Amino acid sequence: MSLNCVNFDFRECSFMDEKNNVKDKNGDSRDGSGRAVIFRETNSNPLTYTFEANYATGIRINTLSARFDVETGKKIIKEESPIHDTSSSLYRSRKAPIYTQEIYFDVGQSLLTALLDYDYINPVTRLISKKTDTLEDAIGRMRSELSKADDKPTIS
């Protein structure tokens, strides 16, 4: 699956409501989160997600596809930031780095970039790789992959 962020681990996310009521070792659960309350009050899943972050580091890093300029029809190989370049010194150990302010900023920015992709309006996307691809086809493939991922067990 093509991703927009090196340091966001979608595979570790859980979107199952039954996980909201599971208590951790401290006796806390997610049942008071906005997402869980909306689910309970409306008795449906209105596609409401909570963005949570670990304070230290992630479990794994992602390899990003090259960006593709839809207007010029060309791949953009050079990354603008060492956070996006998994060959930079930040990732030399091949482990997820200790999170910095720049990494948190990148995760938030990548989430917003994903929304541009979702609405088919991203002029520089990582979802397509050649001129004959369309953003609509890429989004369709992504949604299909995400649906398959929903069926796999998760760790939370």
N, C-alpha and C. Protein backbone atom coordinates (compact mmCIF):
# COMPACT_ATOMS: atom_id res chain seq x y z
N MET A 1 0.84 -1.18 0.00
CA MET A 1 0.00 0.00 0.00
C MET A 1 0.89 1.23 0.00
N SER A 2 0.58 2.17 -0.80
CA SER A 2 1.33 3.42 -0.85
C SER A 2 0.90 4.31 0.32
N LEU A 3 1.87 4.89 0.96
CA LEU A 3 1.58 5.73 2.13
C LEU A 3 2.14 7.13 1.91
N ASN A 4 1.66 8.07 2.70
CA ASN A 4 2.13 9.45 2.64
C ASN A 4 3.12 9.78 3.73
N CYS A 5 3.34 8.87 4.68
CA CYS A 5 4.13 9.22 5.85
C CYS A 5 5.05 8.07 6.24
N VAL A 6 6.30 8.39 6.51
CA VAL A 6 7.28 7.38 6.93
C VAL A 6 6.97 6.89 8.34
N ASN A 7 6.53 7.77 9.23
CA ASN A 7 6.42 7.44 10.65
C ASN A 7 5.00 7.26 11.16
N PHE A 8 4.05 6.93 10.30
CA PHE A 8 2.69 6.62 10.74
C PHE A 8 2.44 5.16 10.44
N ASP A 9 2.06 4.38 11.44
CA ASP A 9 1.90 2.95 11.28
C ASP A 9 0.42 2.58 11.26
N PHE A 10 -0.15 2.57 10.07
CA PHE A 10 -1.57 2.26 9.91
C PHE A 10 -1.89 0.86 10.40
N ARG A 11 -0.94 -0.07 10.24
CA ARG A 11 -1.19 -1.46 10.65
C ARG A 11 -1.40 -1.60 12.15
N GLU A 12 -0.94 -0.66 12.93
CA GLU A 12 -1.14 -0.72 14.38
C GLU A 12 -2.40 0.00 14.83
N CYS A 13 -3.16 0.55 13.89
CA CYS A 13 -4.40 1.24 14.23
C CYS A 13 -5.53 0.23 14.41
N SER A 14 -6.44 0.53 15.30
CA SER A 14 -7.61 -0.32 15.51
C SER A 14 -8.86 0.52 15.32
N PHE A 15 -9.76 0.06 14.46
CA PHE A 15 -10.99 0.79 14.19
C PHE A 15 -12.22 0.01 14.66
N MET A 16 -12.00 -1.03 15.45
CA MET A 16 -13.11 -1.85 15.92
C MET A 16 -13.67 -1.27 17.22
N ASP A 17 -14.98 -1.04 17.27
CA ASP A 17 -15.59 -0.41 18.43
C ASP A 17 -15.43 -1.26 19.69
N GLU A 18 -15.44 -2.57 19.57
CA GLU A 18 -15.33 -3.40 20.78
C GLU A 18 -14.01 -3.18 21.51
N LYS A 19 -13.01 -2.65 20.82
CA LYS A 19 -11.73 -2.34 21.46
C LYS A 19 -11.84 -1.12 22.38
N ASN A 20 -12.89 -0.32 22.20
CA ASN A 20 -13.05 0.89 23.02
C ASN A 20 -13.23 0.59 24.50
N ASN A 21 -13.82 -0.55 24.82
CA ASN A 21 -14.15 -0.86 26.20
C ASN A 21 -13.11 -1.73 26.90
N VAL A 22 -12.08 -2.14 26.19
CA VAL A 22 -11.04 -2.96 26.79
C VAL A 22 -10.17 -2.07 27.68
N LYS A 23 -10.01 -2.50 28.93
CA LYS A 23 -9.21 -1.71 29.88
C LYS A 23 -7.74 -2.12 29.79
N ASP A 24 -6.86 -1.13 29.87
CA ASP A 24 -5.43 -1.42 29.86
C ASP A 24 -4.98 -1.75 31.29
N LYS A 25 -3.66 -1.91 31.48
CA LYS A 25 -3.13 -2.31 32.79
C LYS A 25 -3.40 -1.27 33.87
N ASN A 26 -3.67 -0.02 33.47
CA ASN A 26 -3.98 1.04 34.44
C ASN A 26 -5.48 1.18 34.68
N GLY A 27 -6.28 0.36 34.01
CA GLY A 27 -7.73 0.44 34.16
C GLY A 27 -8.39 1.45 33.25
N ASP A 28 -7.62 2.04 32.32
CA ASP A 28 -8.17 3.03 31.40
C ASP A 28 -8.66 2.35 30.12
N SER A 29 -9.63 2.97 29.47
CA SER A 29 -10.10 2.47 28.18
C SER A 29 -10.41 3.65 27.28
N ARG A 30 -10.81 3.36 26.03
CA ARG A 30 -11.13 4.41 25.07
C ARG A 30 -12.62 4.75 25.07
N ASP A 31 -13.38 4.18 26.00
CA ASP A 31 -14.83 4.36 25.95
C ASP A 31 -15.28 5.80 26.16
N GLY A 32 -14.41 6.67 26.62
CA GLY A 32 -14.75 8.08 26.78
C GLY A 32 -14.27 8.95 25.63
N SER A 33 -13.63 8.34 24.63
CA SER A 33 -13.14 9.13 23.50
C SER A 33 -14.32 9.64 22.67
N GLY A 34 -14.09 10.73 21.96
CA GLY A 34 -15.14 11.30 21.11
C GLY A 34 -15.67 10.29 20.12
N ARG A 35 -14.78 9.51 19.55
CA ARG A 35 -15.17 8.50 18.57
C ARG A 35 -16.12 7.48 19.19
N ALA A 36 -15.79 6.99 20.41
CA ALA A 36 -16.61 5.98 21.07
C ALA A 36 -17.97 6.54 21.48
N VAL A 37 -17.99 7.77 21.99
CA VAL A 37 -19.25 8.40 22.41
C VAL A 37 -20.17 8.59 21.21
N ILE A 38 -19.63 9.09 20.10
CA ILE A 38 -20.46 9.29 18.90
C ILE A 38 -21.02 7.96 18.42
N PHE A 39 -20.20 6.91 18.46
CA PHE A 39 -20.66 5.58 18.04
C PHE A 39 -21.82 5.13 18.92
N ARG A 40 -21.65 5.27 20.25
CA ARG A 40 -22.71 4.83 21.18
C ARG A 40 -23.98 5.66 21.02
N GLU A 41 -23.84 6.98 20.91
CA GLU A 41 -25.01 7.86 20.86
C GLU A 41 -25.78 7.74 19.55
N THR A 42 -25.08 7.47 18.46
CA THR A 42 -25.76 7.39 17.16
C THR A 42 -26.01 5.95 16.73
N ASN A 43 -25.43 4.99 17.47
CA ASN A 43 -25.55 3.56 17.16
C ASN A 43 -25.07 3.25 15.74
N SER A 44 -24.07 4.00 15.29
CA SER A 44 -23.50 3.75 13.97
C SER A 44 -22.07 4.24 13.96
N ASN A 45 -21.33 3.90 12.94
CA ASN A 45 -19.95 4.36 12.79
C ASN A 45 -19.92 5.45 11.72
N PRO A 46 -19.90 6.72 12.13
CA PRO A 46 -19.89 7.82 11.15
C PRO A 46 -18.49 8.13 10.62
N LEU A 47 -17.63 7.13 10.55
CA LEU A 47 -16.25 7.31 10.09
C LEU A 47 -15.54 8.40 10.89
N THR A 48 -15.64 8.29 12.20
CA THR A 48 -14.98 9.22 13.10
C THR A 48 -13.75 8.52 13.66
N TYR A 49 -12.59 9.13 13.51
CA TYR A 49 -11.35 8.52 13.97
C TYR A 49 -10.65 9.45 14.94
N THR A 50 -9.94 8.84 15.87
CA THR A 50 -9.16 9.59 16.84
C THR A 50 -7.71 9.47 16.43
N PHE A 51 -7.03 10.58 16.34
CA PHE A 51 -5.61 10.58 15.99
C PHE A 51 -4.81 10.60 17.27
N GLU A 52 -4.14 9.50 17.56
CA GLU A 52 -3.36 9.38 18.78
C GLU A 52 -1.89 9.23 18.41
N ALA A 53 -1.03 9.65 19.28
CA ALA A 53 0.40 9.55 18.99
C ALA A 53 1.14 8.98 20.20
N ASN A 54 2.10 8.15 19.91
CA ASN A 54 2.99 7.64 20.93
C ASN A 54 3.99 8.75 21.25
N TYR A 55 4.39 8.86 22.49
CA TYR A 55 5.28 9.96 22.87
C TYR A 55 6.75 9.66 22.60
N ALA A 56 7.09 8.47 22.20
CA ALA A 56 8.50 8.14 22.06
C ALA A 56 8.87 7.79 20.63
N THR A 57 8.34 6.70 20.11
CA THR A 57 8.72 6.22 18.79
C THR A 57 7.68 5.23 18.27
N GLY A 58 7.77 4.90 17.00
CA GLY A 58 6.87 3.91 16.43
C GLY A 58 7.51 2.54 16.42
N ILE A 59 6.78 1.58 15.88
CA ILE A 59 7.28 0.21 15.80
C ILE A 59 8.06 -0.01 14.51
N ARG A 60 7.61 0.59 13.43
CA ARG A 60 8.27 0.40 12.13
C ARG A 60 8.20 1.68 11.32
N ILE A 61 8.99 1.74 10.26
CA ILE A 61 8.95 2.88 9.34
C ILE A 61 8.44 2.40 7.99
N ASN A 62 7.88 3.30 7.24
CA ASN A 62 7.37 3.00 5.90
C ASN A 62 8.34 3.49 4.85
N THR A 63 8.30 2.86 3.71
CA THR A 63 9.03 3.35 2.54
C THR A 63 8.02 4.08 1.66
N LEU A 64 8.32 5.31 1.30
CA LEU A 64 7.38 6.10 0.52
C LEU A 64 7.58 5.88 -0.98
N SER A 65 6.48 5.90 -1.70
CA SER A 65 6.56 5.95 -3.15
C SER A 65 7.00 7.36 -3.54
N ALA A 66 7.57 7.49 -4.72
CA ALA A 66 7.95 8.82 -5.20
C ALA A 66 6.70 9.66 -5.40
N ARG A 67 6.83 10.96 -5.20
CA ARG A 67 5.72 11.87 -5.49
C ARG A 67 5.57 11.98 -7.00
N PHE A 68 4.36 12.24 -7.45
CA PHE A 68 4.06 12.34 -8.87
C PHE A 68 3.32 13.63 -9.12
N ASP A 69 3.88 14.48 -9.97
CA ASP A 69 3.25 15.75 -10.31
C ASP A 69 2.22 15.49 -11.39
N VAL A 70 0.96 15.59 -11.04
CA VAL A 70 -0.14 15.27 -11.96
C VAL A 70 -0.14 16.21 -13.16
N GLU A 71 0.21 17.47 -12.96
CA GLU A 71 0.18 18.45 -14.06
C GLU A 71 1.28 18.21 -15.08
N THR A 72 2.51 17.90 -14.63
CA THR A 72 3.61 17.70 -15.57
C THR A 72 3.73 16.24 -16.00
N GLY A 73 3.10 15.33 -15.25
CA GLY A 73 3.19 13.91 -15.56
C GLY A 73 4.55 13.30 -15.24
N LYS A 74 5.27 13.89 -14.28
CA LYS A 74 6.60 13.40 -13.94
C LYS A 74 6.73 13.04 -12.47
N LYS A 75 7.56 12.01 -12.22
CA LYS A 75 7.89 11.65 -10.84
C LYS A 75 8.83 12.69 -10.26
N ILE A 76 8.68 12.94 -8.96
CA ILE A 76 9.59 13.83 -8.24
C ILE A 76 10.41 12.92 -7.32
N ILE A 77 11.64 12.66 -7.72
CA ILE A 77 12.48 11.70 -7.01
C ILE A 77 13.09 12.29 -5.74
N LYS A 78 13.59 13.51 -5.83
CA LYS A 78 14.29 14.12 -4.68
C LYS A 78 13.28 14.51 -3.61
N GLU A 79 13.52 14.04 -2.40
CA GLU A 79 12.65 14.39 -1.28
C GLU A 79 13.01 15.77 -0.74
N GLU A 80 12.02 16.48 -0.23
CA GLU A 80 12.23 17.83 0.29
C GLU A 80 12.78 17.82 1.71
N SER A 81 12.64 16.72 2.41
CA SER A 81 12.99 16.67 3.83
C SER A 81 13.65 15.32 4.16
N PRO A 82 14.62 15.32 5.08
CA PRO A 82 15.22 14.04 5.50
C PRO A 82 14.20 13.13 6.19
N ILE A 83 13.11 13.70 6.70
CA ILE A 83 12.07 12.87 7.32
C ILE A 83 11.41 11.97 6.30
N HIS A 84 11.33 12.40 5.02
CA HIS A 84 10.72 11.58 3.97
C HIS A 84 11.72 10.64 3.30
N ASP A 85 13.00 10.84 3.52
CA ASP A 85 14.05 10.06 2.86
C ASP A 85 14.57 8.98 3.80
N THR A 86 14.11 7.74 3.59
CA THR A 86 14.49 6.66 4.49
C THR A 86 15.96 6.27 4.38
N SER A 87 16.70 6.87 3.43
CA SER A 87 18.14 6.63 3.36
C SER A 87 18.92 7.71 4.12
N SER A 88 18.20 8.68 4.73
CA SER A 88 18.88 9.74 5.48
C SER A 88 19.41 9.19 6.81
N SER A 89 20.26 9.96 7.45
CA SER A 89 20.87 9.53 8.71
C SER A 89 19.84 9.30 9.81
N LEU A 90 18.69 9.92 9.69
CA LEU A 90 17.62 9.75 10.66
C LEU A 90 17.19 8.28 10.78
N TYR A 91 17.27 7.54 9.66
CA TYR A 91 16.81 6.15 9.63
C TYR A 91 17.96 5.16 9.43
N ARG A 92 19.17 5.59 9.64
CA ARG A 92 20.32 4.75 9.36
C ARG A 92 20.25 3.39 10.07
N SER A 93 19.72 3.36 11.29
CA SER A 93 19.65 2.11 12.04
C SER A 93 18.50 1.21 11.58
N ARG A 94 17.69 1.69 10.65
CA ARG A 94 16.51 0.99 10.11
C ARG A 94 15.44 0.77 11.17
N LYS A 95 15.53 1.51 12.26
CA LYS A 95 14.50 1.50 13.28
C LYS A 95 13.77 2.83 13.22
N ALA A 96 12.57 2.84 13.76
CA ALA A 96 11.85 4.11 13.84
C ALA A 96 12.59 5.03 14.80
N PRO A 97 12.80 6.28 14.41
CA PRO A 97 13.55 7.20 15.28
C PRO A 97 12.72 7.67 16.47
N ILE A 98 13.40 8.26 17.43
CA ILE A 98 12.69 8.94 18.51
C ILE A 98 11.96 10.11 17.86
N TYR A 99 10.68 10.25 18.18
CA TYR A 99 9.88 11.29 17.54
C TYR A 99 10.31 12.68 17.99
N THR A 100 10.37 13.55 17.01
CA THR A 100 10.71 14.95 17.24
C THR A 100 9.52 15.81 16.85
N GLN A 101 9.62 17.09 17.11
CA GLN A 101 8.56 18.02 16.70
C GLN A 101 8.37 17.95 15.18
N GLU A 102 9.45 17.82 14.43
CA GLU A 102 9.36 17.77 12.96
C GLU A 102 8.62 16.50 12.50
N ILE A 103 8.85 15.39 13.19
CA ILE A 103 8.16 14.15 12.81
C ILE A 103 6.68 14.27 13.10
N TYR A 104 6.31 14.79 14.27
CA TYR A 104 4.89 14.99 14.56
C TYR A 104 4.24 15.92 13.54
N PHE A 105 4.93 16.98 13.16
CA PHE A 105 4.42 17.91 12.15
C PHE A 105 4.20 17.17 10.83
N ASP A 106 5.16 16.32 10.45
CA ASP A 106 5.05 15.56 9.20
C ASP A 106 3.87 14.60 9.24
N VAL A 107 3.64 13.94 10.36
CA VAL A 107 2.50 13.02 10.47
C VAL A 107 1.20 13.80 10.27
N GLY A 108 1.07 14.95 10.92
CA GLY A 108 -0.14 15.77 10.74
C GLY A 108 -0.30 16.26 9.32
N GLN A 109 0.79 16.72 8.73
CA GLN A 109 0.75 17.20 7.34
C GLN A 109 0.40 16.05 6.39
N SER A 110 0.92 14.87 6.66
CA SER A 110 0.63 13.71 5.82
C SER A 110 -0.83 13.30 5.92
N LEU A 111 -1.41 13.45 7.09
CA LEU A 111 -2.83 13.15 7.26
C LEU A 111 -3.66 14.09 6.38
N LEU A 112 -3.30 15.36 6.36
CA LEU A 112 -4.02 16.33 5.52
C LEU A 112 -3.79 16.06 4.04
N THR A 113 -2.57 15.64 3.68
CA THR A 113 -2.28 15.28 2.29
C THR A 113 -3.14 14.09 1.87
N ALA A 114 -3.32 13.13 2.78
CA ALA A 114 -4.17 11.98 2.49
C ALA A 114 -5.61 12.40 2.21
N LEU A 115 -6.06 13.45 2.89
CA LEU A 115 -7.42 13.96 2.62
C LEU A 115 -7.51 14.55 1.22
N LEU A 116 -6.44 15.20 0.76
CA LEU A 116 -6.43 15.70 -0.62
C LEU A 116 -6.52 14.53 -1.61
N ASP A 117 -5.78 13.46 -1.31
CA ASP A 117 -5.86 12.26 -2.16
C ASP A 117 -7.27 11.68 -2.13
N TYR A 118 -7.84 11.60 -0.95
CA TYR A 118 -9.17 11.02 -0.77
C TYR A 118 -10.21 11.74 -1.61
N ASP A 119 -10.06 13.06 -1.72
CA ASP A 119 -11.01 13.86 -2.51
C ASP A 119 -10.55 14.07 -3.95
N TYR A 120 -9.51 13.36 -4.39
CA TYR A 120 -9.00 13.42 -5.77
C TYR A 120 -8.51 14.81 -6.16
N ILE A 121 -7.99 15.58 -5.22
CA ILE A 121 -7.57 16.94 -5.56
C ILE A 121 -6.10 17.21 -5.23
N ASN A 122 -5.33 16.18 -5.02
CA ASN A 122 -3.91 16.38 -4.70
C ASN A 122 -3.11 16.52 -6.00
N PRO A 123 -2.51 17.67 -6.24
CA PRO A 123 -1.74 17.87 -7.48
C PRO A 123 -0.39 17.15 -7.47
N VAL A 124 0.12 16.80 -6.30
CA VAL A 124 1.40 16.09 -6.19
C VAL A 124 1.18 14.92 -5.23
N THR A 125 0.88 13.76 -5.79
CA THR A 125 0.47 12.61 -5.00
C THR A 125 1.53 11.51 -5.00
N ARG A 126 1.49 10.64 -4.02
CA ARG A 126 2.34 9.46 -3.98
C ARG A 126 1.57 8.22 -4.41
N LEU A 127 0.32 8.38 -4.79
CA LEU A 127 -0.53 7.24 -5.09
C LEU A 127 -0.43 6.76 -6.53
N ILE A 128 0.01 7.61 -7.44
CA ILE A 128 0.17 7.17 -8.82
C ILE A 128 1.64 7.28 -9.22
N SER A 129 2.02 6.49 -10.21
CA SER A 129 3.44 6.46 -10.55
C SER A 129 3.74 6.68 -12.03
N LYS A 130 2.70 6.75 -12.86
CA LYS A 130 2.93 7.01 -14.28
C LYS A 130 1.75 7.77 -14.86
N LYS A 131 2.00 8.37 -16.00
CA LYS A 131 1.01 9.25 -16.63
C LYS A 131 -0.32 8.55 -16.92
N THR A 132 -0.28 7.27 -17.22
CA THR A 132 -1.51 6.56 -17.57
C THR A 132 -2.36 6.21 -16.36
N ASP A 133 -1.79 6.30 -15.14
CA ASP A 133 -2.57 6.07 -13.92
C ASP A 133 -3.48 7.26 -13.66
N THR A 134 -4.60 7.01 -13.03
CA THR A 134 -5.45 8.12 -12.59
C THR A 134 -5.54 8.09 -11.08
N LEU A 135 -5.76 9.23 -10.50
CA LEU A 135 -5.90 9.31 -9.05
C LEU A 135 -7.12 8.51 -8.59
N GLU A 136 -8.19 8.52 -9.38
CA GLU A 136 -9.39 7.76 -9.05
C GLU A 136 -9.09 6.27 -8.96
N ASP A 137 -8.33 5.73 -9.93
CA ASP A 137 -7.96 4.31 -9.90
C ASP A 137 -7.08 4.00 -8.69
N ALA A 138 -6.12 4.88 -8.41
CA ALA A 138 -5.22 4.68 -7.27
C ALA A 138 -6.00 4.69 -5.95
N ILE A 139 -6.95 5.62 -5.82
CA ILE A 139 -7.77 5.69 -4.60
C ILE A 139 -8.61 4.43 -4.48
N GLY A 140 -9.14 3.95 -5.58
CA GLY A 140 -9.92 2.71 -5.56
C GLY A 140 -9.09 1.54 -5.07
N ARG A 141 -7.85 1.44 -5.57
CA ARG A 141 -6.95 0.37 -5.11
C ARG A 141 -6.66 0.52 -3.62
N MET A 142 -6.41 1.75 -3.18
CA MET A 142 -6.12 2.02 -1.78
C MET A 142 -7.30 1.63 -0.90
N ARG A 143 -8.50 2.03 -1.30
CA ARG A 143 -9.69 1.69 -0.51
C ARG A 143 -9.88 0.19 -0.44
N SER A 144 -9.61 -0.51 -1.53
CA SER A 144 -9.71 -1.97 -1.53
C SER A 144 -8.71 -2.59 -0.56
N GLU A 145 -7.47 -2.08 -0.57
CA GLU A 145 -6.45 -2.59 0.34
C GLU A 145 -6.82 -2.30 1.79
N LEU A 146 -7.38 -1.13 2.06
CA LEU A 146 -7.79 -0.79 3.42
C LEU A 146 -8.93 -1.68 3.88
N SER A 147 -9.85 -2.01 2.99
CA SER A 147 -10.94 -2.91 3.35
C SER A 147 -10.40 -4.28 3.73
N LYS A 148 -9.42 -4.76 2.98
CA LYS A 148 -8.80 -6.05 3.31
C LYS A 148 -8.08 -5.96 4.65
N ALA A 149 -7.43 -4.83 4.91
CA ALA A 149 -6.70 -4.66 6.18
C ALA A 149 -7.65 -4.64 7.36
N ASP A 150 -8.89 -4.15 7.17
CA ASP A 150 -9.88 -4.14 8.25
C ASP A 150 -10.23 -5.54 8.72
N ASP A 151 -10.10 -6.52 7.83
CA ASP A 151 -10.44 -7.89 8.18
C ASP A 151 -9.32 -8.62 8.93
N LYS A 152 -8.14 -8.03 8.94
CA LYS A 152 -7.01 -8.67 9.62
C LYS A 152 -7.00 -8.31 11.10
N PRO A 153 -6.57 -9.24 11.96
CA PRO A 153 -6.50 -8.90 13.38
C PRO A 153 -5.48 -7.80 13.65
N THR A 154 -5.75 -6.98 14.64
CA THR A 154 -4.85 -5.89 14.99
C THR A 154 -4.39 -6.03 16.42
N ILE A 155 -3.33 -5.35 16.74
CA ILE A 155 -2.81 -5.29 18.11
C ILE A 155 -3.15 -3.92 18.64
N SER A 156 -3.75 -3.83 19.81
CA SER A 156 -3.99 -2.50 20.38
C SER A 156 -3.75 -2.51 21.86
